[in-house]
C-alpha atoms as a PDB file:
ATOM      1  CA  MET A   1    -123.344 -63.950-143.841  1.00  0.00           C
ATOM      2  CA  GLN A   2    -124.651 -64.922-146.862  1.00  0.00           C
ATOM      3  CA  ARG A   3    -124.980 -69.060-146.852  1.00  0.00           C
ATOM      4  CA  ASP A   4    -123.639 -68.687-150.678  1.00  0.00           C
ATOM      5  CA  LEU A   5    -121.281 -65.286-150.408  1.00  0.00           C
ATOM      6  CA  LEU A   6    -118.019 -67.522-150.355  1.00  0.00           C
ATOM      7  CA  ASP A   7    -118.856 -69.929-153.561  1.00  0.00           C
ATOM      8  CA  GLY A   8    -116.649 -69.848-155.908  1.00  0.00           C
ATOM      9  CA  VAL A   9    -113.925 -67.788-154.108  1.00  0.00           C
ATOM     10  CA  VAL A  10    -111.588 -70.492-153.840  1.00  0.00           C
ATOM     11  CA  ALA A  11    -112.035 -71.664-157.841  1.00  0.00           C
ATOM     12  CA  PHE A  12    -111.675 -67.988-158.381  1.00  0.00           C
ATOM     13  CA  LEU A  13    -108.239 -67.746-156.629  1.00  0.00           C
ATOM     14  CA  ARG A  14    -106.836 -70.986-158.071  1.00  0.00           C
ATOM     15  CA  VAL A  15    -107.512 -69.113-161.430  1.00  0.00           C
ATOM     16  CA  ALA A  16    -106.243 -66.337-161.015  1.00  0.00           C
ATOM     17  CA  GLU A  17    -103.258 -67.269-159.157  1.00  0.00           C
ATOM     18  CA  ARG A  18    -102.855 -69.848-162.236  1.00  0.00           C
ATOM     19  CA  GLN A  19    -103.485 -68.076-165.068  1.00  0.00           C
ATOM     20  CA  SER A  20    -105.721 -71.063-166.637  1.00  0.00           C
ATOM     21  CA  PHE A  21    -108.802 -72.657-165.988  1.00  0.00           C
ATOM     22  CA  THR A  22    -107.265 -76.200-166.722  1.00  0.00           C
ATOM     23  CA  ALA A  23    -104.924 -75.744-163.818  1.00  0.00           C
ATOM     24  CA  ALA A  24    -107.360 -74.732-161.482  1.00  0.00           C
ATOM     25  CA  ALA A  25    -109.558 -77.469-162.440  1.00  0.00           C
ATOM     26  CA  ALA A  26    -106.584 -80.166-161.686  1.00  0.00           C
ATOM     27  CA  GLU A  27    -105.419 -79.125-158.492  1.00  0.00           C
ATOM     28  CA  LEU A  28    -109.237 -78.428-157.342  1.00  0.00           C
ATOM     29  CA  GLY A  29    -109.694 -81.792-158.740  1.00  0.00           C
ATOM     30  CA  VAL A  30    -113.088 -81.086-161.480  1.00  0.00           C
ATOM     31  CA  SER A  31    -113.689 -80.320-164.455  1.00  0.00           C
ATOM     32  CA  PRO A  32    -111.985 -77.210-166.466  1.00  0.00           C
ATOM     33  CA  GLN A  33    -115.856 -76.751-167.082  1.00  0.00           C
ATOM     34  CA  ALA A  34    -117.343 -76.769-163.309  1.00  0.00           C
ATOM     35  CA  VAL A  35    -114.804 -74.120-162.611  1.00  0.00           C
ATOM     36  CA  SER A  36    -116.241 -72.083-164.753  1.00  0.00           C
ATOM     37  CA  GLN A  37    -119.659 -72.347-164.411  1.00  0.00           C
ATOM     38  CA  THR A  38    -118.423 -71.477-161.037  1.00  0.00           C
ATOM     39  CA  ILE A  39    -116.432 -68.577-161.308  1.00  0.00           C
ATOM     40  CA  ARG A  40    -119.737 -67.580-164.126  1.00  0.00           C
ATOM     41  CA  GLN A  41    -121.736 -67.777-161.049  1.00  0.00           C
ATOM     42  CA  LEU A  42    -119.612 -65.579-158.347  1.00  0.00           C
ATOM     43  CA  GLU A  43    -119.727 -62.800-161.294  1.00  0.00           C
ATOM     44  CA  ALA A  44    -123.220 -63.099-161.705  1.00  0.00           C
ATOM     45  CA  ARG A  45    -123.562 -62.399-157.419  1.00  0.00           C
ATOM     46  CA  VAL A  46    -121.012 -60.013-157.686  1.00  0.00           C
ATOM     47  CA  GLY A  47    -122.472 -58.006-160.799  1.00  0.00           C
ATOM     48  CA  VAL A  48    -119.992 -57.520-163.027  1.00  0.00           C
ATOM     49  CA  ALA A  49    -117.090 -59.480-165.069  1.00  0.00           C
ATOM     50  CA  LEU A  50    -113.821 -60.535-163.049  1.00  0.00           C
ATOM     51  CA  LEU A  51    -112.190 -62.825-165.549  1.00  0.00           C
ATOM     52  CA  ALA A  52    -111.201 -61.572-169.229  1.00  0.00           C
ATOM     53  CA  ARG A  53    -111.202 -64.795-171.069  1.00  0.00           C
ATOM     54  CA  THR A  54    -109.579 -65.274-174.376  1.00  0.00           C
ATOM     55  CA  THR A  55    -109.001 -68.964-176.419  1.00  0.00           C
ATOM     56  CA  ARG A  56    -105.121 -68.610-175.482  1.00  0.00           C
ATOM     57  CA  SER A  57    -105.406 -66.621-172.178  1.00  0.00           C
ATOM     58  CA  VAL A  58    -107.445 -65.406-169.152  1.00  0.00           C
ATOM     59  CA  SER A  59    -106.668 -62.256-166.944  1.00  0.00           C
ATOM     60  CA  LEU A  60    -108.158 -60.537-164.325  1.00  0.00           C
ATOM     61  CA  THR A  61    -110.186 -57.060-165.375  1.00  0.00           C
ATOM     62  CA  GLU A  62    -109.495 -54.517-162.784  1.00  0.00           C
ATOM     63  CA  ALA A  63    -112.525 -55.587-160.815  1.00  0.00           C
ATOM     64  CA  GLY A  64    -110.862 -59.534-160.707  1.00  0.00           C
ATOM     65  CA  HIS A  65    -107.972 -57.400-159.681  1.00  0.00           C
ATOM     66  CA  ARG A  66    -109.567 -55.084-156.696  1.00  0.00           C
ATOM     67  CA  PHE A  67    -111.475 -58.600-155.518  1.00  0.00           C
ATOM     68  CA  LEU A  68    -108.242 -60.952-155.475  1.00  0.00           C
ATOM     69  CA  ALA A  69    -106.784 -57.981-153.706  1.00  0.00           C
ATOM     70  CA  GLU A  70    -109.151 -58.319-150.647  1.00  0.00           C
ATOM     71  CA  ALA A  71    -110.796 -61.932-151.317  1.00  0.00           C
ATOM     72  CA  LYS A  72    -107.048 -63.533-151.106  1.00  0.00           C
ATOM     73  CA  PRO A  73    -106.252 -62.135-147.549  1.00  0.00           C
ATOM     74  CA  GLY A  74    -109.512 -63.202-146.331  1.00  0.00           C
ATOM     75  CA  ALA A  75    -109.150 -66.714-147.788  1.00  0.00           C
ATOM     76  CA  GLU A  76    -105.376 -67.226-146.343  1.00  0.00           C
ATOM     77  CA  ALA A  77    -107.088 -66.212-143.126  1.00  0.00           C
ATOM     78  CA  ILE A  78    -109.906 -69.157-143.101  1.00  0.00           C
ATOM     79  CA  ALA A  79    -107.587 -71.547-144.107  1.00  0.00           C
ATOM     80  CA  SER A  80    -105.059 -70.975-141.079  1.00  0.00           C
ATOM     81  CA  ALA A  81    -108.640 -70.992-139.061  1.00  0.00           C
ATOM     82  CA  PHE A  82    -108.805 -74.735-140.401  1.00  0.00           C
ATOM     83  CA  ARG A  83    -105.490 -75.982-139.484  1.00  0.00           C
ATOM     84  CA  ALA A  84    -105.155 -74.393-136.141  1.00  0.00           C
ATOM     85  CA  ALA A  85    -108.840 -75.790-135.218  1.00  0.00           C
ATOM     86  CA  SER A  86    -108.062 -79.119-137.188  1.00  0.00           C
ATOM     87  CA  ALA A  87    -104.333 -78.505-135.089  1.00  0.00           C
ATOM     88  CA  LEU A  88    -106.133 -79.436-131.792  1.00  0.00           C
ATOM     89  CA  GLY A  89    -107.612 -82.404-133.044  1.00  0.00           C
ATOM     90  CA  GLY A  90    -104.163 -84.325-133.685  1.00  0.00           C
ATOM     91  CA  ARG A  91    -101.968 -84.307-131.392  1.00  0.00           C
ATOM     92  CA  PRO A  92    -101.992 -82.763-127.745  1.00  0.00           C
ATOM     93  CA  SER A  93    -101.533 -78.723-127.765  1.00  0.00           C
ATOM     94  CA  GLY A  94    -103.240 -75.434-127.082  1.00  0.00           C
ATOM     95  CA  THR A  95    -104.036 -74.317-123.305  1.00  0.00           C
ATOM     96  CA  LEU A  96    -105.915 -76.600-121.118  1.00  0.00           C
ATOM     97  CA  ARG A  97    -108.196 -74.351-118.779  1.00  0.00           C
ATOM     98  CA  LEU A  98    -108.675 -76.476-115.409  1.00  0.00           C
ATOM     99  CA  ASN A  99    -111.197 -74.729-112.397  1.00  0.00           C
ATOM    100  CA  VAL A 100    -110.067 -76.693-109.067  1.00  0.00           C
ATOM    101  CA  PRO A 101    -111.110 -76.257-105.398  1.00  0.00           C
ATOM    102  CA  ARG A 102    -108.322 -75.470-103.397  1.00  0.00           C
ATOM    103  CA  ILE A 103    -109.138 -78.648-101.359  1.00  0.00           C
ATOM    104  CA  ALA A 104    -107.821 -80.260-104.455  1.00  0.00           C
ATOM    105  CA  LEU A 105    -104.634 -78.617-105.063  1.00  0.00           C
ATOM    106  CA  ALA A 106    -102.064 -80.619-102.763  1.00  0.00           C
ATOM    107  CA  GLY A 107    -103.638 -84.620-103.998  1.00  0.00           C
ATOM    108  CA  VAL A 108    -104.208 -83.796-106.815  1.00  0.00           C
ATOM    109  CA  ILE A 109    -103.449 -81.305-109.257  1.00  0.00           C
ATOM    110  CA  GLU A 110     -99.619 -80.739-107.724  1.00  0.00           C
ATOM    111  CA  PRO A 111     -98.364 -84.478-108.175  1.00  0.00           C
ATOM    112  CA  LEU A 112    -100.038 -84.607-111.493  1.00  0.00           C
ATOM    113  CA  LEU A 113     -98.573 -81.411-113.399  1.00  0.00           C
ATOM    114  CA  PRO A 114     -94.801 -81.783-113.681  1.00  0.00           C
ATOM    115  CA  GLY A 115     -94.836 -85.618-115.185  1.00  0.00           C
ATOM    116  CA  PHE A 116     -98.185 -84.019-117.770  1.00  0.00           C
ATOM    117  CA  ARG A 117     -95.720 -80.914-118.513  1.00  0.00           C
ATOM    118  CA  ALA A 118     -92.568 -83.131-119.543  1.00  0.00           C
ATOM    119  CA  ALA A 119     -94.876 -85.671-121.358  1.00  0.00           C
ATOM    120  CA  HIS A 120     -96.964 -82.806-123.116  1.00  0.00           C
ATOM    121  CA  PRO A 121     -94.816 -79.471-123.681  1.00  0.00           C
ATOM    122  CA  GLU A 122     -96.659 -77.827-126.107  1.00  0.00           C
ATOM    123  CA  VAL A 123     -99.956 -77.972-123.717  1.00  0.00           C
ATOM    124  CA  THR A 124     -99.621 -74.864-121.097  1.00  0.00           C
ATOM    125  CA  VAL A 125    -101.736 -75.274-118.244  1.00  0.00           C
ATOM    126  CA  GLU A 126    -103.804 -72.396-116.821  1.00  0.00           C
ATOM    127  CA  VAL A 127    -105.381 -73.600-112.962  1.00  0.00           C
ATOM    128  CA  LEU A 128    -108.190 -71.467-111.547  1.00  0.00           C
ATOM    129  CA  VAL A 129    -108.302 -72.538-107.872  1.00  0.00           C
ATOM    130  CA  GLU A 130    -111.553 -71.715-106.479  1.00  0.00           C
ATOM    131  CA  ASP A 131    -114.473 -73.319-104.354  1.00  0.00           C
ATOM    132  CA  ARG A 132    -117.322 -72.110-105.624  1.00  0.00           C
ATOM    133  CA  LEU A 133    -118.696 -74.538-108.246  1.00  0.00           C
ATOM    134  CA  ALA A 134    -117.976 -72.936-111.393  1.00  0.00           C
ATOM    135  CA  ASP A 135    -119.867 -73.101-115.018  1.00  0.00           C
ATOM    136  CA  ILE A 136    -117.269 -74.548-116.317  1.00  0.00           C
ATOM    137  CA  VAL A 137    -119.004 -74.449-120.074  1.00  0.00           C
ATOM    138  CA  GLY A 138    -119.764 -70.750-119.458  1.00  0.00           C
ATOM    139  CA  ASP A 139    -116.834 -69.210-117.946  1.00  0.00           C
ATOM    140  CA  GLY A 140    -114.345 -71.437-120.637  1.00  0.00           C
ATOM    141  CA  PHE A 141    -112.963 -74.282-118.925  1.00  0.00           C
ATOM    142  CA  ASP A 142    -112.045 -76.931-120.385  1.00  0.00           C
ATOM    143  CA  ALA A 143    -112.855 -79.299-117.048  1.00  0.00           C
ATOM    144  CA  GLY A 144    -113.277 -78.597-114.190  1.00  0.00           C
ATOM    145  CA  ILE A 145    -112.417 -81.379-110.703  1.00  0.00           C
ATOM    146  CA  ARG A 146    -114.283 -81.427-108.059  1.00  0.00           C
ATOM    147  CA  LEU A 147    -115.582 -83.731-105.053  1.00  0.00           C
ATOM    148  CA  GLY A 148    -118.130 -86.598-106.703  1.00  0.00           C
ATOM    149  CA  GLU A 149    -120.880 -85.770-104.426  1.00  0.00           C
ATOM    150  CA  ILE A 150    -121.299 -81.950-106.008  1.00  0.00           C
ATOM    151  CA  VAL A 151    -120.763 -82.980-109.925  1.00  0.00           C
ATOM    152  CA  ASP A 152    -124.415 -81.736-111.832  1.00  0.00           C
ATOM    153  CA  ALA A 153    -126.151 -85.120-112.938  1.00  0.00           C
ATOM    154  CA  ASP A 154    -125.537 -83.274-117.146  1.00  0.00           C
ATOM    155  CA  MET A 155    -121.699 -83.705-116.503  1.00  0.00           C
ATOM    156  CA  VAL A 156    -119.479 -86.619-117.607  1.00  0.00           C
ATOM    157  CA  ALA A 157    -117.295 -87.188-114.818  1.00  0.00           C
ATOM    158  CA  VAL A 158    -114.242 -89.281-114.930  1.00  0.00           C
ATOM    159  CA  ARG A 159    -112.984 -90.130-111.309  1.00  0.00           C
ATOM    160  CA  LEU A 160    -109.257 -89.424-110.396  1.00  0.00           C
ATOM    161  CA  THR A 161    -108.802 -90.576-106.406  1.00  0.00           C
ATOM    162  CA  PRO A 162    -110.653 -93.845-104.782  1.00  0.00           C
ATOM    163  CA  PRO A 163    -113.037 -93.011-102.287  1.00  0.00           C
ATOM    164  CA  GLU A 164    -111.765 -91.535 -99.013  1.00  0.00           C
ATOM    165  CA  PRO A 165    -112.309 -90.373 -95.433  1.00  0.00           C
ATOM    166  CA  MET A 166    -113.258 -87.502 -93.718  1.00  0.00           C
ATOM    167  CA  THR A 167    -111.541 -86.489 -90.248  1.00  0.00           C
ATOM    168  CA  VAL A 168    -111.860 -84.036 -87.637  1.00  0.00           C
ATOM    169  CA  VAL A 169    -108.142 -82.933 -86.544  1.00  0.00           C
ATOM    170  CA  GLY A 170    -106.967 -80.545 -83.983  1.00  0.00           C
ATOM    171  CA  ALA A 171    -103.463 -79.459 -82.511  1.00  0.00           C
ATOM    172  CA  PRO A 172    -101.799 -81.083 -79.200  1.00  0.00           C
ATOM    173  CA  ASP A 173    -102.065 -77.918 -77.415  1.00  0.00           C
ATOM    174  CA  TYR A 174    -106.123 -77.162 -77.907  1.00  0.00           C
ATOM    175  CA  PHE A 175    -106.794 -81.040 -77.160  1.00  0.00           C
ATOM    176  CA  ALA A 176    -104.215 -80.250 -74.028  1.00  0.00           C
ATOM    177  CA  ARG A 177    -106.582 -77.328 -73.118  1.00  0.00           C
ATOM    178  CA  ASN A 178    -109.832 -78.170 -74.006  1.00  0.00           C
ATOM    179  CA  GLY A 179    -109.844 -82.475 -73.823  1.00  0.00           C
ATOM    180  CA  ARG A 180    -110.709 -84.563 -76.259  1.00  0.00           C
ATOM    181  CA  PRO A 181    -114.262 -85.128 -78.268  1.00  0.00           C
ATOM    182  CA  THR A 182    -115.045 -88.910 -78.201  1.00  0.00           C
ATOM    183  CA  THR A 183    -118.468 -88.620 -79.927  1.00  0.00           C
ATOM    184  CA  PRO A 184    -119.981 -86.287 -82.491  1.00  0.00           C
ATOM    185  CA  ALA A 185    -122.255 -84.619 -79.782  1.00  0.00           C
ATOM    186  CA  ASP A 186    -119.303 -83.482 -77.583  1.00  0.00           C
ATOM    187  CA  LEU A 187    -118.313 -80.798 -80.150  1.00  0.00           C
ATOM    188  CA  ARG A 188    -121.201 -78.772 -78.861  1.00  0.00           C
ATOM    189  CA  ASP A 189    -118.621 -78.883 -76.372  1.00  0.00           C
ATOM    190  CA  HIS A 190    -115.787 -77.182 -78.317  1.00  0.00           C
ATOM    191  CA  SER A 191    -114.684 -74.166 -80.379  1.00  0.00           C
ATOM    192  CA  CYS A 192    -115.086 -75.837 -84.029  1.00  0.00           C
ATOM    193  CA  ILE A 193    -113.824 -73.889 -87.428  1.00  0.00           C
ATOM    194  CA  ASN A 194    -117.319 -73.046 -89.753  1.00  0.00           C
ATOM    195  CA  PHE A 195    -116.329 -73.668 -93.604  1.00  0.00           C
ATOM    196  CA  ARG A 196    -119.201 -71.102 -95.761  1.00  0.00           C
ATOM    197  CA  ASN A 197    -120.226 -72.658 -98.575  1.00  0.00           C
ATOM    198  CA  THR A 198    -119.757 -69.233-101.172  1.00  0.00           C
ATOM    199  CA  ALA A 199    -121.695 -71.352-103.607  1.00  0.00           C
ATOM    200  CA  ARG A 200    -124.760 -70.876-101.470  1.00  0.00           C
ATOM    201  CA  GLY A 201    -123.350 -68.928 -98.604  1.00  0.00           C
ATOM    202  CA  ASP A 202    -124.459 -71.626 -96.140  1.00  0.00           C
ATOM    203  CA  LEU A 203    -122.478 -72.853 -93.355  1.00  0.00           C
ATOM    204  CA  TYR A 204    -120.962 -76.100 -94.072  1.00  0.00           C
ATOM    205  CA  ARG A 205    -122.087 -79.014 -91.802  1.00  0.00           C
ATOM    206  CA  TRP A 206    -119.490 -81.569 -90.336  1.00  0.00           C
ATOM    207  CA  GLU A 207    -120.967 -85.134 -91.253  1.00  0.00           C
ATOM    208  CA  PHE A 208    -120.869 -88.026 -89.651  1.00  0.00           C
ATOM    209  CA  ALA A 209    -121.812 -91.763 -89.569  1.00  0.00           C
ATOM    210  CA  ILE A 210    -124.124 -92.936 -86.147  1.00  0.00           C
ATOM    211  CA  ASP A 211    -125.317 -96.247 -86.072  1.00  0.00           C
ATOM    212  CA  GLY A 212    -125.548 -96.315 -89.569  1.00  0.00           C
ATOM    213  CA  ARG A 213    -127.217 -93.297 -89.827  1.00  0.00           C
ATOM    214  CA  GLU A 214    -126.053 -90.358 -91.670  1.00  0.00           C
ATOM    215  CA  VAL A 215    -126.159 -87.006 -89.421  1.00  0.00           C
ATOM    216  CA  GLU A 216    -124.685 -83.383 -89.630  1.00  0.00           C
ATOM    217  CA  VAL A 217    -124.053 -81.626 -86.622  1.00  0.00           C
ATOM    218  CA  ALA A 218    -124.016 -77.572 -86.904  1.00  0.00           C
ATOM    219  CA  VAL A 219    -120.848 -76.851 -85.231  1.00  0.00           C
ATOM    220  CA  ALA A 220    -120.155 -73.294 -83.359  1.00  0.00           C
ATOM    221  CA  GLY A 221    -116.827 -71.264 -82.966  1.00  0.00           C
ATOM    222  CA  GLY A 222    -114.589 -68.268 -83.653  1.00  0.00           C
ATOM    223  CA  MET A 223    -113.863 -68.899 -86.478  1.00  0.00           C
ATOM    224  CA  VAL A 224    -115.455 -69.053 -90.228  1.00  0.00           C
ATOM    225  CA  VAL A 225    -112.928 -69.115 -93.290  1.00  0.00           C
ATOM    226  CA  ASN A 226    -113.483 -69.768 -96.995  1.00  0.00           C
ATOM    227  CA  ASP A 227    -110.797 -71.283 -98.157  1.00  0.00           C
ATOM    228  CA  SER A 228    -109.797 -75.266 -97.496  1.00  0.00           C
ATOM    229  CA  GLY A 229    -105.725 -73.895 -96.559  1.00  0.00           C
ATOM    230  CA  LEU A 230    -106.637 -72.190 -93.842  1.00  0.00           C
ATOM    231  CA  LEU A 231    -109.042 -73.915 -92.447  1.00  0.00           C
ATOM    232  CA  VAL A 232    -106.103 -76.426 -91.826  1.00  0.00           C
ATOM    233  CA  GLY A 233    -103.806 -74.051 -90.847  1.00  0.00           C
ATOM    234  CA  SER A 234    -106.100 -72.334 -88.394  1.00  0.00           C
ATOM    235  CA  ALA A 235    -106.611 -76.395 -86.597  1.00  0.00           C
ATOM    236  CA  ALA A 236    -102.883 -76.007 -86.452  1.00  0.00           C
ATOM    237  CA  ALA A 237    -102.198 -72.805 -84.950  1.00  0.00           C
ATOM    238  CA  GLY A 238    -104.627 -74.413 -81.855  1.00  0.00           C
ATOM    239  CA  LEU A 239    -107.383 -71.900 -83.494  1.00  0.00           C
ATOM    240  CA  GLY A 240    -110.052 -74.796 -83.061  1.00  0.00           C
ATOM    241  CA  LEU A 241    -111.085 -78.015 -84.459  1.00  0.00           C
ATOM    242  CA  ALA A 242    -111.414 -78.840 -88.464  1.00  0.00           C
ATOM    243  CA  TYR A 243    -113.358 -80.854 -90.288  1.00  0.00           C
ATOM    244  CA  THR A 244    -111.298 -82.021 -93.574  1.00  0.00           C
ATOM    245  CA  LEU A 245    -110.138 -84.236 -95.672  1.00  0.00           C
ATOM    246  CA  THR A 246    -108.273 -86.917 -94.918  1.00  0.00           C
ATOM    247  CA  SER A 247    -105.709 -86.264 -97.167  1.00  0.00           C
ATOM    248  CA  ALA A 248    -105.897 -82.539 -96.800  1.00  0.00           C
ATOM    249  CA  ALA A 249    -104.833 -82.637 -93.324  1.00  0.00           C
ATOM    250  CA  ALA A 250    -102.396 -85.551 -93.550  1.00  0.00           C
ATOM    251  CA  PRO A 251     -98.942 -83.624 -94.066  1.00  0.00           C
ATOM    252  CA  LEU A 252    -100.146 -81.795 -90.848  1.00  0.00           C
ATOM    253  CA  VAL A 253    -100.554 -85.138 -88.947  1.00  0.00           C
ATOM    254  CA  ALA A 254     -97.644 -86.769 -90.256  1.00  0.00           C
ATOM    255  CA  GLN A 255     -95.696 -83.922 -88.255  1.00  0.00           C
ATOM    256  CA  GLY A 256     -97.182 -84.003 -85.105  1.00  0.00           C
ATOM    257  CA  ARG A 257     -99.145 -80.451 -85.888  1.00  0.00           C
ATOM    258  CA  LEU A 258    -102.449 -82.212 -86.231  1.00  0.00           C
ATOM    259  CA  GLN A 259    -103.977 -85.368 -84.431  1.00  0.00           C
ATOM    260  CA  GLN A 260    -107.275 -87.013 -85.303  1.00  0.00           C
ATOM    261  CA  VAL A 261    -110.333 -87.235 -83.931  1.00  0.00           C
ATOM    262  CA  LEU A 262    -113.799 -89.240 -83.785  1.00  0.00           C
ATOM    263  CA  GLN A 263    -112.522 -91.187 -87.194  1.00  0.00           C
ATOM    264  CA  PRO A 264    -115.057 -94.342 -86.283  1.00  0.00           C
ATOM    265  CA  PHE A 265    -117.528 -91.994 -86.971  1.00  0.00           C
ATOM    266  CA  CYS A 266    -116.618 -90.147 -90.216  1.00  0.00           C
ATOM    267  CA  PRO A 267    -117.540 -90.979 -93.102  1.00  0.00           C
ATOM    268  CA  ASP A 268    -116.199 -91.509 -96.558  1.00  0.00           C
ATOM    269  CA  THR A 269    -116.120 -88.929 -99.506  1.00  0.00           C
ATOM    270  CA  PRO A 270    -116.312 -90.455-103.166  1.00  0.00           C
ATOM    271  CA  GLY A 271    -113.223 -89.094-104.124  1.00  0.00           C
ATOM    272  CA  PHE A 272    -112.005 -86.317-106.607  1.00  0.00           C
ATOM    273  CA  PHE A 273    -113.594 -86.157-109.891  1.00  0.00           C
ATOM    274  CA  LEU A 274    -112.826 -84.590-113.204  1.00  0.00           C
ATOM    275  CA  TYR A 275    -116.168 -82.841-115.062  1.00  0.00           C
ATOM    276  CA  PHE A 276    -116.270 -82.082-118.204  1.00  0.00           C
ATOM    277  CA  PRO A 277    -120.312 -81.414-120.472  1.00  0.00           C
ATOM    278  CA  SER A 278    -120.133 -84.031-122.737  1.00  0.00           C
ATOM    279  CA  ARG A 279    -117.586 -86.582-124.414  1.00  0.00           C
ATOM    280  CA  SER A 280    -117.566 -85.192-128.196  1.00  0.00           C
ATOM    281  CA  GLN A 281    -115.536 -82.216-126.633  1.00  0.00           C
ATOM    282  CA  VAL A 282    -112.874 -84.054-125.400  1.00  0.00           C
ATOM    283  CA  LEU A 283    -109.722 -82.313-127.219  1.00  0.00           C
ATOM    284  CA  PRO A 284    -106.432 -84.788-127.428  1.00  0.00           C
ATOM    285  CA  LYS A 285    -105.169 -82.070-124.250  1.00  0.00           C
ATOM    286  CA  LEU A 286    -108.233 -83.371-121.632  1.00  0.00           C
ATOM    287  CA  ARG A 287    -108.072 -86.582-122.870  1.00  0.00           C
ATOM    288  CA  ALA A 288    -103.356 -86.281-122.812  1.00  0.00           C
ATOM    289  CA  PHE A 289    -104.616 -84.923-119.238  1.00  0.00           C
ATOM    290  CA  ILE A 290    -107.289 -87.946-117.866  1.00  0.00           C
ATOM    291  CA  ASP A 291    -104.963 -90.769-118.912  1.00  0.00           C
ATOM    292  CA  HIS A 292    -101.866 -89.056-117.241  1.00  0.00           C
ATOM    293  CA  ALA A 293    -103.896 -88.635-114.323  1.00  0.00           C
ATOM    294  CA  LYS A 294    -105.132 -91.641-114.126  1.00  0.00           C
ATOM    295  CA  SER A 295    -101.836 -93.579-114.897  1.00  0.00           C
ATOM    296  CA  VAL A 296    -100.926 -91.257-111.613  1.00  0.00           C
ATOM    297  CA  LEU A 297    -103.598 -91.311-109.059  1.00  0.00           C
ATOM    298  CA  GLY A 298    -104.733 -94.788-109.481  1.00  0.00           C
ATOM    299  CA  GLY A 299    -108.086 -93.285-109.771  1.00  0.00           C
END
């Protein structure tokens, strides 16, 4: 599209609607002479007269009628686009698209949604649950939620939850059959449920802190999953030990379906962060969600 293609169109529409250069100029906040000059430049680009002028009246030529019929809907559409975009810059509204790992559902997303939706009914929340680290810009998300340690350095990260420890859990009947590990080295004698990293394709190594050192342990067992809910559920079913966030296992621990082991060796994670590409892109819908999350989760 030519850079000057729309120059003068608004002035022409105002003159055509008011049938007066003076009235159009007053509405546009310029002089009648400025409007007349703008229309002449528009007609020069079009290559034909659009308005017939006399000392007492202004009327449309045949070309002017045709130009008005084509240009008016387009100008109204552009005005509507400005209003729609401006509305998103005022009160929270529109669709808030979030990319979230399954492990963040119970401890982060589910506690936030009822209060946020009640406070901001004009915001539609769309949550896509996946454990891969998505390209939130390329995939059209407003923000993502991940553990702090896997948020890219070029993202703006906002803490949602405090740091929390990892844990190793198993079902009571599993421990009754196989005993309880007392050190990470004992895991070689246990059936462990592996978690496959879908982004890289490898198996997640269990992380422990031993004598002030960070140690990664490759475990083995009869199951491999790529879903955090299935990971914890499989452990509760007695299929092996699972390594997960303490908050993810907490409900089943409280019910007595899971028991924790190796707690002295389990390190803290940084906690969950909401991340997005630039502070300049924070629309009211996302700012409102961040403020609500901080008030509820205390991050």
